Amino acid sequence: MTITELGIITASNGLALTDGQLGKLSDYAGLLRAKNQVVNLISRKDEENILSKHLLHSLTLVLPKVTLAGIGQGSRVFDLGTGGGLPGIPLKIARPDLSLLLCDSILKKITAVSEMVRDLGLSTISAITDRAENLATRSEHKQRYDYVVTRAVAPLDELAQWSRGLLKPKGILLCLKGGDLRSEMEQAQRLKFITSVEEANLTLEGFDEFLQEEKKIVRVTMV
């Protein structure tokens, strides 16, 4: 996939990116590839497919035509287990209105992410080394976020419990996962602070790879 092809796919699914935004995404892909030689941020086998497997995958969370996707204008977003800045950095580039905090428990990953954020010249986005459950007890983070976003970090019930203290009332956890999620969803639905758990196949116009790989999007709403 080329950056032009990525732009065509996002536009086909309701999000038209400017040349400047596509340029930033391309720059980020280059930085991610370079940092991955030093710090294990993504699988080495995915390096040649960063645009599709990582950037486009992350952007599905804000593509209007994707079922269950969508983040409100001007929202505060917490990226749980960001790794190499995913999905947070692509989301920030595509949606400058969002305010993001990228969180990971591994210092060397957050150091690399912070350097990429700086090199890309992004604002209202920062990175922190900690665990989500720890941050949820601190006044500056407790119930301060509209959304928590994550990519295949842990089972749904654990993600929900970690996110609960971070989210505002009726906050939303958006997860990118894969495979058969029936057992995970049943476990999550037993949690009393969850009002709904919805799952959908990740289907895009003009791109069927995610559907073939059984990629899913899950939207969990809290009380």
Protein backbone atom coordinates (compact mmCIF):
# COMPACT_ATOMS: atom_id res chain seq x y z
CA MET A 1 0.00 0.00 0.00
CA THR A 2 1.13 3.54 -0.80
CA ILE A 3 0.20 6.66 1.15
CA THR A 4 -1.95 7.73 -1.83
CA GLU A 5 -3.85 4.45 -1.67
CA LEU A 6 -4.37 4.89 2.06
CA GLY A 7 -5.86 8.33 1.38
CA ILE A 8 -8.21 6.91 -1.24
CA ILE A 9 -9.45 4.23 1.16
CA THR A 10 -10.04 6.66 4.04
CA ALA A 11 -11.90 9.02 1.69
CA SER A 12 -14.04 6.12 0.41
CA ASN A 13 -14.98 5.43 4.03
CA GLY A 14 -15.94 8.98 4.90
CA LEU A 15 -12.71 10.65 6.01
CA ALA A 16 -10.96 12.89 3.48
CA LEU A 17 -7.37 13.58 4.55
CA THR A 18 -5.40 16.57 3.28
CA ASP A 19 -2.04 16.29 1.55
CA GLY A 20 -0.50 17.64 4.75
CA GLN A 21 -2.13 14.92 6.86
CA LEU A 22 -1.08 12.20 4.43
CA GLY A 23 2.44 13.59 4.52
CA LYS A 24 2.46 13.42 8.33
CA LEU A 25 1.21 9.84 8.23
CA SER A 26 3.96 8.94 5.78
CA ASP A 27 6.54 10.65 8.00
CA TYR A 28 5.22 8.74 11.01
CA ALA A 29 5.48 5.44 9.15
CA GLY A 30 9.12 6.22 8.38
CA LEU A 31 9.87 7.15 11.98
CA LEU A 32 8.12 4.03 13.27
CA ARG A 33 10.12 1.84 10.92
CA ALA A 34 13.39 3.49 11.99
CA LYS A 35 12.62 3.33 15.73
CA ASN A 36 11.66 -0.32 15.38
CA GLN A 37 15.26 -1.14 14.54
CA VAL A 38 16.22 -0.06 18.05
CA VAL A 39 13.10 -0.69 20.14
CA ASN A 40 10.59 -3.48 19.55
CA LEU A 41 7.49 -1.42 18.77
CA ILE A 42 5.81 -3.56 16.09
CA SER A 43 6.42 -7.00 14.62
CA ARG A 44 9.39 -6.99 12.25
CA LYS A 45 7.34 -8.98 9.73
CA ASP A 46 4.89 -6.06 9.52
CA GLU A 47 7.49 -3.40 8.69
CA GLU A 48 6.76 -3.57 4.97
CA ASN A 49 3.03 -3.24 5.63
CA ILE A 50 3.01 -0.44 8.21
CA LEU A 51 0.51 1.66 6.27
CA SER A 52 -2.13 -1.06 6.03
CA LYS A 53 -1.57 -3.19 9.13
CA HIS A 54 -0.94 -0.34 11.55
CA LEU A 55 -1.88 3.12 10.30
CA LEU A 56 -5.04 2.26 8.35
CA HIS A 57 -6.03 -0.22 11.05
CA SER A 58 -5.75 2.54 13.66
CA LEU A 59 -7.66 5.02 11.52
CA THR A 60 -10.67 2.72 11.28
CA LEU A 61 -11.66 4.03 14.72
CA VAL A 62 -12.58 7.39 13.14
CA LEU A 63 -13.85 6.33 9.72
CA PRO A 64 -17.54 7.38 9.53
CA LYS A 65 -18.59 4.41 7.38
CA VAL A 66 -17.12 1.79 9.75
CA THR A 67 -19.73 0.15 11.98
CA LEU A 68 -19.32 1.04 15.70
CA ALA A 69 -16.44 3.46 14.95
CA GLY A 70 -16.56 7.17 15.73
CA ILE A 71 -15.06 9.58 18.25
CA GLY A 72 -16.84 12.81 19.11
CA GLN A 73 -15.48 16.22 18.14
CA GLY A 74 -12.99 17.67 20.62
CA SER A 75 -12.89 14.52 22.75
CA ARG A 76 -10.26 13.62 25.31
CA VAL A 77 -8.84 10.21 24.35
CA PHE A 78 -6.66 7.81 26.33
CA ASP A 79 -4.55 5.35 24.28
CA LEU A 80 -4.09 2.28 26.50
CA GLY A 81 -0.99 0.19 25.72
CA THR A 82 0.10 2.46 22.89
CA GLY A 83 3.32 0.57 22.07
CA GLY A 84 4.69 2.51 19.11
CA GLY A 85 2.01 5.21 19.28
CA LEU A 86 -0.84 3.14 17.90
CA PRO A 87 -3.62 3.94 17.47
CA GLY A 88 -3.06 7.36 19.07
CA ILE A 89 -0.64 9.08 16.69
CA PRO A 90 -2.56 8.25 13.49
CA LEU A 91 -5.78 9.37 15.21
CA LYS A 92 -4.20 12.70 16.17
CA ILE A 93 -2.92 13.33 12.64
CA ALA A 94 -6.31 12.52 11.10
CA ARG A 95 -8.33 14.31 13.81
CA PRO A 96 -6.41 17.36 15.09
CA ASP A 97 -9.43 18.27 17.26
CA LEU A 98 -8.73 15.34 19.59
CA SER A 99 -6.66 15.62 22.77
CA LEU A 100 -4.68 12.44 23.40
CA LEU A 101 -2.66 10.80 26.15
CA LEU A 102 -0.58 7.81 25.03
CA CYS A 103 0.15 5.33 27.82
CA ASP A 104 2.42 2.30 28.04
CA SER A 105 4.13 0.61 30.97
CA ILE A 106 7.44 0.20 29.09
CA LEU A 107 9.69 3.26 29.37
CA LYS A 108 11.73 2.68 26.20
CA LYS A 109 8.56 2.54 24.13
CA ILE A 110 7.22 5.80 25.58
CA THR A 111 10.63 7.44 25.05
CA ALA A 112 10.47 6.47 21.37
CA VAL A 113 6.85 7.61 21.09
CA SER A 114 7.61 10.97 22.71
CA GLU A 115 10.45 11.53 20.24
CA MET A 116 8.16 10.74 17.29
CA VAL A 117 5.47 13.10 18.58
CA ARG A 118 8.11 15.84 18.86
CA ASP A 119 9.56 15.16 15.42
CA LEU A 120 6.09 15.24 13.86
CA GLY A 121 5.33 18.60 15.50
CA LEU A 122 2.06 17.40 17.03
CA SER A 123 0.32 19.33 19.81
CA THR A 124 -2.30 18.42 22.46
CA ILE A 125 -0.84 14.91 22.55
CA SER A 126 1.51 13.54 25.18
CA ALA A 127 2.92 10.22 26.35
CA ILE A 128 3.34 8.72 29.80
CA THR A 129 4.97 5.62 31.27
CA ASP A 130 2.59 3.97 33.72
CA ARG A 131 -0.26 1.49 34.03
CA ALA A 132 -3.80 2.59 33.31
CA GLU A 133 -5.06 1.27 36.64
CA ASN A 134 -2.54 3.46 38.48
CA LEU A 135 -3.43 6.59 36.53
CA ALA A 136 -7.14 6.01 37.22
CA THR A 137 -6.53 6.76 40.90
CA ARG A 138 -4.95 10.17 40.26
CA SER A 139 -7.05 13.32 40.19
CA GLU A 140 -5.56 14.57 36.91
CA HIS A 141 -6.69 11.39 35.13
CA LYS A 142 -9.63 10.01 37.11
CA GLN A 143 -12.81 10.21 35.01
CA ARG A 144 -11.21 12.73 32.67
CA TYR A 145 -11.51 10.93 29.32
CA ASP A 146 -14.38 10.54 26.86
CA TYR A 147 -12.83 7.50 25.17
CA VAL A 148 -10.22 4.84 25.83
CA VAL A 149 -8.80 3.28 22.65
CA THR A 150 -6.67 0.17 22.34
CA ARG A 151 -5.43 -2.46 19.91
CA ALA A 152 -5.43 -6.12 21.07
CA VAL A 153 -3.78 -5.41 24.43
CA ALA A 154 -5.74 -7.73 26.75
CA PRO A 155 -9.11 -9.50 27.21
CA LEU A 156 -12.16 -7.23 27.12
CA ASP A 157 -13.07 -7.60 30.79
CA GLU A 158 -9.57 -6.55 31.86
CA LEU A 159 -9.57 -3.62 29.44
CA ALA A 160 -12.93 -2.51 30.79
CA GLN A 161 -11.77 -2.67 34.40
CA TRP A 162 -8.59 -0.73 33.62
CA SER A 163 -10.58 1.88 31.68
CA ARG A 164 -13.43 2.33 34.11
CA GLY A 165 -11.70 4.82 36.39
CA LEU A 166 -10.32 6.84 33.49
CA LEU A 167 -13.61 7.33 31.66
CA LYS A 168 -16.21 9.97 32.32
CA PRO A 169 -19.75 8.74 33.06
CA LYS A 170 -21.13 7.00 29.94
CA GLY A 171 -17.60 6.90 28.55
CA ILE A 172 -16.68 4.53 25.74
CA LEU A 173 -13.96 1.92 25.31
CA LEU A 174 -13.10 1.27 21.65
CA CYS A 175 -11.07 -1.88 20.99
CA LEU A 176 -9.51 -3.24 17.82
CA LYS A 177 -9.29 -7.01 18.20
CA GLY A 178 -9.52 -10.18 16.13
CA GLY A 179 -10.92 -13.68 15.97
CA ASP A 180 -13.77 -15.25 17.93
CA LEU A 181 -14.64 -12.86 20.77
CA ARG A 182 -17.74 -14.59 22.15
CA SER A 183 -16.11 -15.73 25.38
CA GLU A 184 -14.46 -12.34 25.97
CA MET A 185 -17.74 -10.52 25.37
CA GLU A 186 -19.64 -12.81 27.74
CA GLN A 187 -17.07 -12.13 30.47
CA ALA A 188 -17.25 -8.38 29.91
CA GLN A 189 -21.04 -8.33 29.90
CA ARG A 190 -21.03 -9.75 33.44
CA LEU A 191 -19.43 -6.56 34.75
CA LYS A 192 -22.11 -4.42 36.40
CA PHE A 193 -20.61 -1.10 35.33
CA ILE A 194 -20.95 -1.96 31.62
CA THR A 195 -24.19 -1.00 29.87
CA SER A 196 -23.43 -2.47 26.43
CA VAL A 197 -20.82 -4.49 24.53
CA GLU A 198 -21.12 -4.40 20.74
CA GLU A 199 -18.97 -6.21 18.17
CA ALA A 200 -18.71 -5.76 14.40
CA ASN A 201 -16.51 -7.10 11.65
CA LEU A 202 -14.04 -4.49 10.45
CA THR A 203 -15.37 -3.84 6.94
CA LEU A 204 -14.02 -1.08 4.71
CA GLU A 205 -15.04 0.01 1.23
CA GLY A 206 -12.20 -0.62 -1.21
CA PHE A 207 -10.17 -2.77 1.20
CA ASP A 208 -11.11 -6.30 2.31
CA GLU A 209 -7.94 -7.46 4.08
CA PHE A 210 -9.26 -6.77 7.60
CA LEU A 211 -12.38 -8.82 6.89
CA GLN A 212 -10.28 -11.71 5.58
CA GLU A 213 -8.15 -11.57 8.74
CA GLU A 214 -11.25 -11.55 10.99
CA LYS A 215 -10.41 -8.16 12.43
CA LYS A 216 -13.13 -6.75 14.70
CA ILE A 217 -14.09 -3.51 16.35
CA VAL A 218 -15.69 -3.62 19.81
CA ARG A 219 -17.51 -0.72 21.46
CA VAL A 220 -18.02 -0.93 25.23
CA THR A 221 -20.17 1.66 26.98
CA MET A 222 -19.82 2.28 30.72
CA VAL A 223 -22.44 3.51 33.21
